[in-house]
Amino acid sequence: MLSLRVNVKVVELAKVLVVCDSVYGNTEKVAKALASGMETAGVEVDLAKVADVDFGRLGEYDLLAVGAPTQAFGVYKSVQEFLERLKSANLKGKKGFAFDTKLKSRLAGSAAKGIEGRLKDLGLTVVKPRASAIVKGREGPLEEGAEETFKQIGAELAKMM
């Protein structure tokens, strides 16, 4: 009798949590584009607003992508509070990425800069420098091509997983 022995390697998909808050919907559009780019590249992605994050599940994710609109030259308040709450989570060995939406002005500031700094302070490895989507006017819309750019960024992030 012939017997075969087969070794099967189970490969788990990388898992990403994209978290954001949005005032006029622009940051949410960017977050969805980022998630779409990662999903297309074969990464499992959950998308959540900061108020809806289940802190008990953060350990399941390999990468945490955090985005916010830039307000008063920095991070939107609800996202600041979310980042503060992350101090209680065990994020050792996790990866991070920061993004924002902002006006096209050198005086606009950057929420992503603050988010990226906080992710580093929390011990996450930032895998790609922060990225910004430009909004035309206070309420938007997004600058043409912004969503496509973030789909590409998502695909690049997926390759880093």
N, C-alpha and C. Protein backbone atom coordinates (compact mmCIF):
# COMPACT_ATOMS: atom_id res chain seq x y z
N MET A 1 0.84 -1.17 0.00
CA MET A 1 0.00 0.00 0.00
C MET A 1 0.89 1.24 0.00
N LEU A 2 0.54 2.18 -0.83
CA LEU A 2 1.28 3.43 -0.97
C LEU A 2 0.66 4.48 -0.06
N SER A 3 1.51 5.17 0.72
CA SER A 3 0.97 6.25 1.55
C SER A 3 1.69 7.55 1.19
N LEU A 4 0.93 8.58 1.17
CA LEU A 4 1.47 9.90 0.87
C LEU A 4 1.41 10.77 2.11
N ARG A 5 2.43 11.53 2.27
CA ARG A 5 2.44 12.47 3.38
C ARG A 5 2.51 13.88 2.78
N VAL A 6 1.56 14.68 3.12
CA VAL A 6 1.49 16.02 2.57
C VAL A 6 1.65 17.03 3.69
N ASN A 7 2.58 17.92 3.49
CA ASN A 7 2.75 19.01 4.44
C ASN A 7 1.97 20.21 3.94
N VAL A 8 1.09 20.69 4.76
CA VAL A 8 0.28 21.84 4.40
C VAL A 8 0.67 22.99 5.31
N LYS A 9 1.03 24.07 4.69
CA LYS A 9 1.37 25.27 5.45
C LYS A 9 0.17 26.21 5.41
N VAL A 10 -0.31 26.57 6.56
CA VAL A 10 -1.44 27.48 6.64
C VAL A 10 -0.87 28.90 6.67
N VAL A 11 -1.30 29.69 5.73
CA VAL A 11 -0.84 31.07 5.65
C VAL A 11 -1.99 31.98 6.08
N GLU A 12 -1.72 32.77 7.11
CA GLU A 12 -2.74 33.70 7.56
C GLU A 12 -2.57 35.02 6.83
N LEU A 13 -3.67 35.59 6.43
CA LEU A 13 -3.62 36.91 5.81
C LEU A 13 -3.25 37.94 6.86
N ALA A 14 -2.49 38.93 6.42
CA ALA A 14 -2.23 40.05 7.31
C ALA A 14 -3.56 40.75 7.58
N LYS A 15 -3.67 41.32 8.75
CA LYS A 15 -4.92 41.96 9.13
C LYS A 15 -4.64 43.41 9.54
N VAL A 16 -5.44 44.31 8.99
CA VAL A 16 -5.23 45.74 9.20
C VAL A 16 -6.51 46.37 9.74
N LEU A 17 -6.33 47.33 10.64
CA LEU A 17 -7.44 48.15 11.11
C LEU A 17 -7.18 49.57 10.65
N VAL A 18 -8.10 50.10 9.85
CA VAL A 18 -8.04 51.50 9.42
C VAL A 18 -9.04 52.25 10.28
N VAL A 19 -8.54 53.23 11.03
CA VAL A 19 -9.35 53.99 11.97
C VAL A 19 -9.31 55.46 11.58
N CYS A 20 -10.46 56.11 11.62
CA CYS A 20 -10.47 57.54 11.33
C CYS A 20 -11.68 58.20 11.97
N ASP A 21 -11.66 59.51 11.90
CA ASP A 21 -12.85 60.29 12.15
C ASP A 21 -12.92 61.28 11.01
N SER A 22 -14.09 61.80 10.76
CA SER A 22 -14.28 62.67 9.61
C SER A 22 -15.33 63.70 9.95
N VAL A 23 -15.08 64.94 9.57
CA VAL A 23 -16.04 66.01 9.83
C VAL A 23 -17.00 66.16 8.65
N TYR A 24 -16.46 66.28 7.45
CA TYR A 24 -17.28 66.50 6.25
C TYR A 24 -17.30 65.29 5.32
N GLY A 25 -16.73 64.17 5.76
CA GLY A 25 -16.74 62.95 4.96
C GLY A 25 -15.50 62.73 4.12
N ASN A 26 -14.61 63.70 4.02
CA ASN A 26 -13.43 63.58 3.19
C ASN A 26 -12.42 62.58 3.75
N THR A 27 -12.16 62.63 5.04
CA THR A 27 -11.21 61.70 5.64
C THR A 27 -11.74 60.28 5.57
N GLU A 28 -13.04 60.12 5.71
CA GLU A 28 -13.64 58.79 5.59
C GLU A 28 -13.48 58.25 4.16
N LYS A 29 -13.63 59.10 3.16
CA LYS A 29 -13.42 58.67 1.77
C LYS A 29 -11.98 58.20 1.57
N VAL A 30 -11.05 58.92 2.13
CA VAL A 30 -9.63 58.56 2.02
C VAL A 30 -9.38 57.22 2.73
N ALA A 31 -9.96 57.04 3.91
CA ALA A 31 -9.80 55.79 4.66
C ALA A 31 -10.36 54.61 3.86
N LYS A 32 -11.52 54.81 3.24
CA LYS A 32 -12.12 53.74 2.43
C LYS A 32 -11.25 53.41 1.23
N ALA A 33 -10.65 54.42 0.60
CA ALA A 33 -9.77 54.18 -0.54
C ALA A 33 -8.52 53.42 -0.09
N LEU A 34 -7.96 53.80 1.05
CA LEU A 34 -6.79 53.11 1.60
C LEU A 34 -7.12 51.64 1.85
N ALA A 35 -8.26 51.40 2.49
CA ALA A 35 -8.70 50.02 2.78
C ALA A 35 -8.93 49.24 1.49
N SER A 36 -9.52 49.88 0.50
CA SER A 36 -9.77 49.22 -0.78
C SER A 36 -8.47 48.78 -1.45
N GLY A 37 -7.46 49.64 -1.42
CA GLY A 37 -6.17 49.30 -2.00
C GLY A 37 -5.53 48.11 -1.32
N MET A 38 -5.67 48.04 0.00
CA MET A 38 -5.10 46.92 0.75
C MET A 38 -5.87 45.64 0.46
N GLU A 39 -7.20 45.73 0.44
CA GLU A 39 -8.02 44.54 0.16
C GLU A 39 -7.74 43.98 -1.22
N THR A 40 -7.61 44.86 -2.21
CA THR A 40 -7.31 44.44 -3.57
C THR A 40 -5.98 43.68 -3.63
N ALA A 41 -5.06 44.07 -2.76
CA ALA A 41 -3.75 43.43 -2.71
C ALA A 41 -3.74 42.18 -1.82
N GLY A 42 -4.90 41.79 -1.28
CA GLY A 42 -5.00 40.55 -0.53
C GLY A 42 -4.87 40.63 0.97
N VAL A 43 -5.05 41.81 1.53
CA VAL A 43 -4.97 41.98 2.98
C VAL A 43 -6.38 42.09 3.54
N GLU A 44 -6.59 41.50 4.69
CA GLU A 44 -7.89 41.60 5.37
C GLU A 44 -7.94 42.93 6.12
N VAL A 45 -8.97 43.72 5.87
CA VAL A 45 -9.06 45.06 6.44
C VAL A 45 -10.39 45.28 7.13
N ASP A 46 -10.31 45.85 8.32
CA ASP A 46 -11.50 46.35 9.02
C ASP A 46 -11.39 47.86 9.04
N LEU A 47 -12.50 48.53 8.87
CA LEU A 47 -12.56 49.98 8.85
C LEU A 47 -13.49 50.43 9.96
N ALA A 48 -13.04 51.38 10.79
CA ALA A 48 -13.87 51.82 11.90
C ALA A 48 -13.65 53.29 12.20
N LYS A 49 -14.70 53.92 12.68
CA LYS A 49 -14.55 55.27 13.22
C LYS A 49 -13.97 55.13 14.64
N VAL A 50 -13.27 56.16 15.09
CA VAL A 50 -12.58 56.05 16.39
C VAL A 50 -13.54 55.69 17.53
N ALA A 51 -14.75 56.16 17.48
CA ALA A 51 -15.72 55.89 18.54
C ALA A 51 -16.17 54.42 18.56
N ASP A 52 -15.96 53.71 17.46
CA ASP A 52 -16.45 52.34 17.34
C ASP A 52 -15.37 51.27 17.49
N VAL A 53 -14.14 51.66 17.79
CA VAL A 53 -13.04 50.69 17.88
C VAL A 53 -13.22 49.81 19.12
N ASP A 54 -13.09 48.51 18.92
CA ASP A 54 -13.12 47.54 20.01
C ASP A 54 -11.68 47.35 20.49
N PHE A 55 -11.33 48.00 21.59
CA PHE A 55 -9.96 47.95 22.10
C PHE A 55 -9.53 46.54 22.48
N GLY A 56 -10.47 45.69 22.80
CA GLY A 56 -10.17 44.31 23.15
C GLY A 56 -9.70 43.48 21.97
N ARG A 57 -9.93 43.97 20.76
CA ARG A 57 -9.54 43.23 19.55
C ARG A 57 -8.28 43.79 18.89
N LEU A 58 -7.69 44.84 19.42
CA LEU A 58 -6.55 45.46 18.77
C LEU A 58 -5.38 44.50 18.56
N GLY A 59 -5.25 43.53 19.44
CA GLY A 59 -4.17 42.54 19.31
C GLY A 59 -4.27 41.68 18.06
N GLU A 60 -5.44 41.63 17.44
CA GLU A 60 -5.64 40.82 16.23
C GLU A 60 -5.00 41.43 14.99
N TYR A 61 -4.68 42.71 15.06
CA TYR A 61 -4.24 43.43 13.86
C TYR A 61 -2.72 43.53 13.78
N ASP A 62 -2.22 43.43 12.56
CA ASP A 62 -0.80 43.57 12.31
C ASP A 62 -0.41 45.03 12.08
N LEU A 63 -1.35 45.78 11.52
CA LEU A 63 -1.09 47.18 11.22
C LEU A 63 -2.29 48.02 11.62
N LEU A 64 -2.00 49.17 12.18
CA LEU A 64 -3.02 50.13 12.57
C LEU A 64 -2.79 51.40 11.75
N ALA A 65 -3.74 51.73 10.88
CA ALA A 65 -3.67 52.96 10.08
C ALA A 65 -4.65 53.94 10.69
N VAL A 66 -4.16 55.12 11.07
CA VAL A 66 -4.99 56.10 11.76
C VAL A 66 -5.02 57.40 10.96
N GLY A 67 -6.24 57.91 10.74
CA GLY A 67 -6.39 59.13 9.97
C GLY A 67 -7.33 60.11 10.62
N ALA A 68 -7.09 61.39 10.31
CA ALA A 68 -7.92 62.46 10.87
C ALA A 68 -7.89 63.68 9.97
N PRO A 69 -8.93 64.50 10.07
CA PRO A 69 -8.84 65.80 9.42
C PRO A 69 -7.90 66.70 10.23
N THR A 70 -7.20 67.57 9.55
CA THR A 70 -6.34 68.54 10.23
C THR A 70 -7.22 69.71 10.66
N GLN A 71 -7.20 69.99 11.96
CA GLN A 71 -7.95 71.13 12.48
C GLN A 71 -7.08 71.86 13.49
N ALA A 72 -7.10 73.17 13.42
CA ALA A 72 -6.27 74.01 14.30
C ALA A 72 -4.81 73.58 14.22
N PHE A 73 -4.35 73.29 13.02
CA PHE A 73 -2.97 72.92 12.71
C PHE A 73 -2.56 71.53 13.20
N GLY A 74 -3.50 70.77 13.75
CA GLY A 74 -3.14 69.48 14.31
C GLY A 74 -4.23 68.44 14.20
N VAL A 75 -4.19 67.49 15.13
CA VAL A 75 -5.05 66.31 15.12
C VAL A 75 -6.45 66.65 15.65
N TYR A 76 -7.46 66.22 14.94
CA TYR A 76 -8.86 66.38 15.34
C TYR A 76 -9.05 65.77 16.74
N LYS A 77 -9.83 66.42 17.58
CA LYS A 77 -9.94 66.08 19.00
C LYS A 77 -10.32 64.62 19.27
N SER A 78 -11.29 64.07 18.56
CA SER A 78 -11.70 62.69 18.83
C SER A 78 -10.57 61.71 18.53
N VAL A 79 -9.74 62.02 17.56
CA VAL A 79 -8.61 61.15 17.22
C VAL A 79 -7.51 61.31 18.28
N GLN A 80 -7.31 62.51 18.79
CA GLN A 80 -6.38 62.71 19.91
C GLN A 80 -6.78 61.84 21.09
N GLU A 81 -8.07 61.84 21.40
CA GLU A 81 -8.57 61.04 22.52
C GLU A 81 -8.39 59.55 22.26
N PHE A 82 -8.62 59.12 21.03
CA PHE A 82 -8.41 57.72 20.65
C PHE A 82 -6.94 57.33 20.85
N LEU A 83 -6.03 58.19 20.38
CA LEU A 83 -4.60 57.90 20.52
C LEU A 83 -4.20 57.84 21.99
N GLU A 84 -4.80 58.67 22.80
CA GLU A 84 -4.53 58.65 24.25
C GLU A 84 -4.98 57.32 24.86
N ARG A 85 -6.13 56.84 24.43
CA ARG A 85 -6.64 55.55 24.93
C ARG A 85 -5.77 54.37 24.51
N LEU A 86 -5.03 54.52 23.41
CA LEU A 86 -4.16 53.43 22.94
C LEU A 86 -3.03 53.11 23.91
N LYS A 87 -2.75 54.04 24.83
CA LYS A 87 -1.70 53.79 25.84
C LYS A 87 -1.99 52.52 26.63
N SER A 88 -3.27 52.20 26.80
CA SER A 88 -3.66 51.03 27.59
C SER A 88 -3.64 49.73 26.78
N ALA A 89 -3.40 49.83 25.48
CA ALA A 89 -3.40 48.64 24.62
C ALA A 89 -1.97 48.12 24.45
N ASN A 90 -1.83 46.81 24.32
CA ASN A 90 -0.52 46.22 24.05
C ASN A 90 -0.31 46.20 22.54
N LEU A 91 0.51 47.12 22.07
CA LEU A 91 0.74 47.26 20.63
C LEU A 91 2.17 46.87 20.24
N LYS A 92 2.83 46.17 21.13
CA LYS A 92 4.21 45.73 20.88
C LYS A 92 4.26 44.87 19.62
N GLY A 93 5.20 45.19 18.73
CA GLY A 93 5.37 44.42 17.50
C GLY A 93 4.41 44.80 16.39
N LYS A 94 3.55 45.76 16.64
CA LYS A 94 2.57 46.18 15.64
C LYS A 94 3.17 47.25 14.73
N LYS A 95 2.57 47.39 13.56
CA LYS A 95 2.99 48.40 12.60
C LYS A 95 1.96 49.52 12.55
N GLY A 96 2.40 50.69 12.12
CA GLY A 96 1.50 51.82 12.06
C GLY A 96 1.68 52.66 10.81
N PHE A 97 0.63 53.40 10.49
CA PHE A 97 0.64 54.33 9.36
C PHE A 97 -0.32 55.47 9.70
N ALA A 98 0.08 56.70 9.36
CA ALA A 98 -0.74 57.87 9.66
C ALA A 98 -1.12 58.60 8.37
N PHE A 99 -2.36 59.11 8.35
CA PHE A 99 -2.81 59.89 7.20
C PHE A 99 -3.75 60.99 7.67
N ASP A 100 -3.93 61.98 6.81
CA ASP A 100 -4.85 63.06 7.15
C ASP A 100 -5.43 63.70 5.90
N THR A 101 -6.36 64.60 6.13
CA THR A 101 -6.85 65.50 5.10
C THR A 101 -6.55 66.90 5.59
N LYS A 102 -6.21 67.78 4.64
CA LYS A 102 -5.87 69.14 5.02
C LYS A 102 -5.97 70.07 3.82
N LEU A 103 -5.95 71.35 4.11
CA LEU A 103 -5.93 72.36 3.06
C LEU A 103 -4.55 72.41 2.42
N LYS A 104 -4.51 72.86 1.20
CA LYS A 104 -3.23 72.99 0.49
C LYS A 104 -2.62 74.34 0.84
N SER A 105 -1.88 74.35 1.92
CA SER A 105 -1.21 75.56 2.38
C SER A 105 -0.08 75.14 3.30
N ARG A 106 1.04 75.81 3.18
CA ARG A 106 2.15 75.46 4.07
C ARG A 106 1.84 75.83 5.52
N LEU A 107 0.80 76.63 5.71
CA LEU A 107 0.38 77.03 7.05
C LEU A 107 -0.72 76.15 7.62
N ALA A 108 -1.14 75.13 6.88
CA ALA A 108 -2.28 74.31 7.28
C ALA A 108 -2.00 73.40 8.47
N GLY A 109 -0.75 73.04 8.69
CA GLY A 109 -0.44 72.06 9.71
C GLY A 109 -0.69 70.66 9.18
N SER A 110 -0.58 69.67 10.08
CA SER A 110 -0.76 68.29 9.65
C SER A 110 -1.18 67.41 10.81
N ALA A 111 -2.37 66.85 10.71
CA ALA A 111 -2.81 65.87 11.70
C ALA A 111 -1.95 64.62 11.61
N ALA A 112 -1.58 64.23 10.39
CA ALA A 112 -0.80 63.00 10.20
C ALA A 112 0.55 63.07 10.91
N LYS A 113 1.15 64.24 10.94
CA LYS A 113 2.44 64.39 11.63
C LYS A 113 2.28 64.06 13.12
N GLY A 114 1.23 64.60 13.73
CA GLY A 114 0.98 64.33 15.14
C GLY A 114 0.62 62.87 15.39
N ILE A 115 -0.18 62.29 14.50
CA ILE A 115 -0.57 60.89 14.64
C ILE A 115 0.65 59.99 14.52
N GLU A 116 1.47 60.25 13.52
CA GLU A 116 2.67 59.44 13.32
C GLU A 116 3.59 59.49 14.54
N GLY A 117 3.78 60.68 15.09
CA GLY A 117 4.60 60.82 16.30
C GLY A 117 4.04 60.02 17.46
N ARG A 118 2.73 60.07 17.63
CA ARG A 118 2.09 59.33 18.72
C ARG A 118 2.22 57.83 18.52
N LEU A 119 2.04 57.36 17.28
CA LEU A 119 2.19 55.93 17.00
C LEU A 119 3.60 55.45 17.35
N LYS A 120 4.60 56.25 17.00
CA LYS A 120 5.98 55.91 17.34
C LYS A 120 6.16 55.88 18.86
N ASP A 121 5.61 56.89 19.55
CA ASP A 121 5.70 56.94 21.01
C ASP A 121 5.08 55.72 21.66
N LEU A 122 4.05 55.16 21.02
CA LEU A 122 3.36 53.99 21.55
C LEU A 122 4.10 52.69 21.22
N GLY A 123 5.19 52.79 20.47
CA GLY A 123 5.99 51.62 20.16
C GLY A 123 5.69 50.94 18.84
N LEU A 124 4.81 51.51 18.04
CA LEU A 124 4.53 50.93 16.74
C LEU A 124 5.66 51.27 15.77
N THR A 125 5.91 50.39 14.83
CA THR A 125 6.88 50.65 13.77
C THR A 125 6.15 51.29 12.61
N VAL A 126 6.49 52.52 12.30
CA VAL A 126 5.85 53.22 11.19
C VAL A 126 6.46 52.69 9.90
N VAL A 127 5.64 52.04 9.08
CA VAL A 127 6.13 51.32 7.90
C VAL A 127 6.23 52.17 6.64
N LYS A 128 5.56 53.30 6.66
CA LYS A 128 5.58 54.21 5.50
C LYS A 128 5.34 55.61 6.04
N PRO A 129 6.07 56.60 5.53
CA PRO A 129 5.84 57.96 6.01
C PRO A 129 4.40 58.40 5.82
N ARG A 130 3.95 59.25 6.70
CA ARG A 130 2.58 59.78 6.67
C ARG A 130 2.23 60.33 5.31
N ALA A 131 0.92 60.37 5.04
CA ALA A 131 0.43 60.88 3.76
C ALA A 131 -0.77 61.79 4.02
N SER A 132 -0.91 62.78 3.15
CA SER A 132 -2.01 63.74 3.26
C SER A 132 -2.82 63.78 1.97
N ALA A 133 -4.12 63.94 2.13
CA ALA A 133 -5.02 64.19 1.00
C ALA A 133 -5.44 65.66 1.12
N ILE A 134 -5.39 66.34 0.02
CA ILE A 134 -5.71 67.77 0.01
C ILE A 134 -7.21 67.95 -0.25
N VAL A 135 -7.81 68.83 0.56
CA VAL A 135 -9.21 69.20 0.33
C VAL A 135 -9.26 70.62 -0.21
N LYS A 136 -10.20 70.84 -1.10
CA LYS A 136 -10.39 72.17 -1.68
C LYS A 136 -11.41 72.91 -0.83
N GLY A 137 -10.97 73.84 -0.04
CA GLY A 137 -11.89 74.55 0.83
C GLY A 137 -12.13 73.78 2.12
N ARG A 138 -12.72 74.43 3.06
CA ARG A 138 -12.91 73.85 4.39
C ARG A 138 -13.69 72.54 4.38
N GLU A 139 -14.73 72.49 3.55
CA GLU A 139 -15.59 71.30 3.53
C GLU A 139 -15.26 70.35 2.39
N GLY A 140 -14.27 70.67 1.58
CA GLY A 140 -13.93 69.83 0.46
C GLY A 140 -14.53 70.38 -0.81
N PRO A 141 -14.50 69.63 -1.85
CA PRO A 141 -14.23 68.19 -1.98
C PRO A 141 -12.72 67.90 -1.96
N LEU A 142 -12.41 66.61 -2.02
CA LEU A 142 -11.03 66.19 -2.13
C LEU A 142 -10.46 66.64 -3.46
N GLU A 143 -9.17 66.92 -3.46
CA GLU A 143 -8.49 67.24 -4.70
C GLU A 143 -8.58 66.05 -5.65
N GLU A 144 -8.73 66.31 -6.93
CA GLU A 144 -8.87 65.25 -7.92
C GLU A 144 -7.70 64.26 -7.83
N GLY A 145 -8.02 62.99 -7.82
CA GLY A 145 -7.01 61.94 -7.79
C GLY A 145 -6.62 61.48 -6.39
N ALA A 146 -7.13 62.14 -5.35
CA ALA A 146 -6.74 61.80 -3.97
C ALA A 146 -7.13 60.37 -3.61
N GLU A 147 -8.34 59.97 -3.96
CA GLU A 147 -8.78 58.62 -3.60
C GLU A 147 -7.95 57.57 -4.33
N GLU A 148 -7.64 57.81 -5.59
CA GLU A 148 -6.81 56.86 -6.35
C GLU A 148 -5.41 56.78 -5.75
N THR A 149 -4.87 57.91 -5.33
CA THR A 149 -3.56 57.92 -4.68
C THR A 149 -3.58 57.07 -3.43
N PHE A 150 -4.64 57.16 -2.65
CA PHE A 150 -4.70 56.40 -1.41
C PHE A 150 -4.96 54.91 -1.67
N LYS A 151 -5.61 54.57 -2.76
CA LYS A 151 -5.71 53.15 -3.14
C LYS A 151 -4.31 52.60 -3.43
N GLN A 152 -3.49 53.39 -4.10
CA GLN A 152 -2.12 52.98 -4.40
C GLN A 152 -1.29 52.86 -3.12
N ILE A 153 -1.47 53.80 -2.22
CA ILE A 153 -0.77 53.73 -0.93
C ILE A 153 -1.19 52.46 -0.18
N GLY A 154 -2.48 52.14 -0.23
CA GLY A 154 -2.97 50.91 0.40
C GLY A 154 -2.30 49.68 -0.19
N ALA A 155 -2.17 49.64 -1.50
CA ALA A 155 -1.51 48.50 -2.15
C ALA A 155 -0.04 48.42 -1.73
N GLU A 156 0.63 49.57 -1.61
CA GLU A 156 2.02 49.59 -1.16
C GLU A 156 2.13 49.09 0.28
N LEU A 157 1.23 49.52 1.12
CA LEU A 157 1.24 49.06 2.52
C LEU A 157 1.03 47.55 2.58
N ALA A 158 0.14 47.03 1.75
CA ALA A 158 -0.14 45.59 1.74
C ALA A 158 1.13 44.81 1.41
N LYS A 159 1.94 45.32 0.51
CA LYS A 159 3.17 44.64 0.14
C LYS A 159 4.19 44.61 1.29
N MET A 160 4.04 45.52 2.23
CA MET A 160 4.95 45.62 3.37
C MET A 160 4.55 44.69 4.51
N MET A 161 3.42 44.03 4.37
CA MET A 161 2.91 43.20 5.46
C MET A 161 3.59 41.84 5.51
